[in-house]
Amino acid sequence: MLVTFKTPDYARLTFFGSVAVSLIKLMGHSGHVPGSIGAEEVADAPARLRDGLARIDAQAAEGKPRKIDDSEQEADVGLSLRAKPLIELLEAARAWVIMSWE
């Protein structure tokens, strides 16, 4: 399965399903695909994703298994790197929402 993230002011991003679901869960969502992130949620999404990635990186630094939650297998080593374009997309979406409401 492939999952595509899109917003009007940024290129579409496509991830393999397992990576996309991991990133969606880090943003505080259920991981259900298909779905959407509403305008009211987009403001917090980049910060939630960064916080989740920082938690995973901190666990790795402590030598703990890199797990997202109890139901997940080990997270991909490159998850933080893979998340960077998604964080940029979310920030572009946040800016677009703010401009749209002004």
Protein backbone atom coordinates (compact mmCIF):
# COMPACT_ATOMS: atom_id res chain seq x y z
CA MET A 1 0.00 0.00 0.00
CA LEU A 2 1.14 3.53 -0.77
CA VAL A 3 -0.07 6.62 1.09
CA THR A 4 0.02 10.10 -0.43
CA PHE A 5 0.03 13.32 1.57
CA LYS A 6 -1.00 16.48 -0.29
CA THR A 7 -1.73 20.14 0.27
CA PRO A 8 -2.25 22.99 -2.23
CA ASP A 9 1.14 24.69 -1.69
CA TYR A 10 3.50 21.71 -1.59
CA ALA A 11 4.44 18.76 -3.77
CA ARG A 12 2.63 15.50 -3.08
CA LEU A 13 4.53 13.04 -0.89
CA THR A 14 4.08 9.30 -1.22
CA PHE A 15 5.24 6.84 1.44
CA PHE A 16 5.02 3.10 1.79
CA GLY A 17 2.07 2.25 4.00
CA SER A 18 4.03 1.10 7.05
CA VAL A 19 6.10 4.29 7.14
CA ALA A 20 3.06 6.50 6.56
CA VAL A 21 1.05 4.80 9.32
CA SER A 22 3.97 5.18 11.74
CA LEU A 23 4.20 8.91 10.97
CA ILE A 24 0.44 9.35 11.23
CA LYS A 25 0.45 7.67 14.64
CA LEU A 26 3.26 9.92 15.81
CA MET A 27 0.99 12.88 14.98
CA GLY A 28 -1.56 11.47 17.42
CA HIS A 29 -3.95 9.89 14.94
CA SER A 30 -5.24 6.33 14.81
CA GLY A 31 -3.28 5.43 11.70
CA HIS A 32 -6.46 4.71 9.76
CA VAL A 33 -5.93 5.16 6.02
CA PRO A 34 -7.57 6.78 4.06
CA GLY A 35 -8.11 9.81 6.17
CA SER A 36 -7.34 13.47 6.46
CA ILE A 37 -5.95 15.99 8.88
CA GLY A 38 -8.40 18.81 9.41
CA ALA A 39 -7.52 22.49 9.32
CA GLU A 40 -7.89 22.72 13.09
CA GLU A 41 -5.36 19.89 13.56
CA VAL A 42 -2.76 21.03 11.05
CA ALA A 43 -1.36 23.69 13.38
CA ASP A 44 -0.24 21.09 15.93
CA ALA A 45 0.71 18.28 13.53
CA PRO A 46 4.36 19.31 12.83
CA ALA A 47 5.10 19.73 16.55
CA ARG A 48 3.46 16.42 17.44
CA LEU A 49 5.46 14.66 14.75
CA ARG A 50 8.72 16.26 15.91
CA ASP A 51 7.96 15.33 19.53
CA GLY A 52 7.23 11.72 18.59
CA LEU A 53 10.42 11.46 16.58
CA ALA A 54 12.43 12.99 19.45
CA ARG A 55 10.95 10.40 21.81
CA ILE A 56 12.01 7.58 19.48
CA ASP A 57 15.50 9.06 19.09
CA ALA A 58 15.82 9.45 22.87
CA GLN A 59 14.85 5.80 23.37
CA ALA A 60 17.47 4.78 20.82
CA ALA A 61 20.10 6.86 22.61
CA GLU A 62 19.26 5.06 25.86
CA GLY A 63 19.65 1.72 24.14
CA LYS A 64 15.95 0.89 24.32
CA PRO A 65 14.22 -0.73 21.35
CA ARG A 66 12.97 1.85 18.86
CA LYS A 67 9.24 1.21 19.16
CA ILE A 68 6.46 3.63 18.34
CA ASP A 69 3.90 1.87 20.54
CA ASP A 70 3.32 -1.59 21.97
CA SER A 71 1.61 -2.87 18.82
CA GLU A 72 4.40 -1.83 16.46
CA GLN A 73 7.52 -3.64 15.38
CA GLU A 74 10.81 -1.77 15.55
CA ALA A 75 10.64 1.59 13.81
CA ASP A 76 12.68 2.08 10.67
CA VAL A 77 16.12 3.49 11.35
CA GLY A 78 15.53 6.30 8.86
CA LEU A 79 12.12 7.37 10.18
CA SER A 80 13.35 10.81 11.31
CA LEU A 81 14.94 11.42 7.93
CA ARG A 82 11.85 10.21 6.10
CA ALA A 83 9.68 12.55 8.17
CA LYS A 84 11.49 15.76 7.18
CA PRO A 85 9.60 16.34 3.91
CA LEU A 86 6.31 15.53 5.66
CA ILE A 87 7.07 18.10 8.36
CA GLU A 88 7.75 20.65 5.60
CA LEU A 89 4.46 19.71 3.91
CA LEU A 90 2.58 20.13 7.20
CA GLU A 91 4.18 23.53 7.78
CA ALA A 92 3.20 24.57 4.24
CA ALA A 93 -0.35 23.35 4.93
CA ARG A 94 -0.44 25.32 8.17
CA ALA A 95 0.67 28.48 6.34
CA TRP A 96 -1.93 27.85 3.62
CA VAL A 97 -4.69 27.44 6.22
CA ILE A 98 -3.66 30.66 7.95
CA MET A 99 -3.61 32.55 4.63
CA SER A 100 -6.96 31.06 3.65
CA TRP A 101 -8.61 32.30 6.83
CA GLU A 102 -7.22 35.85 6.67
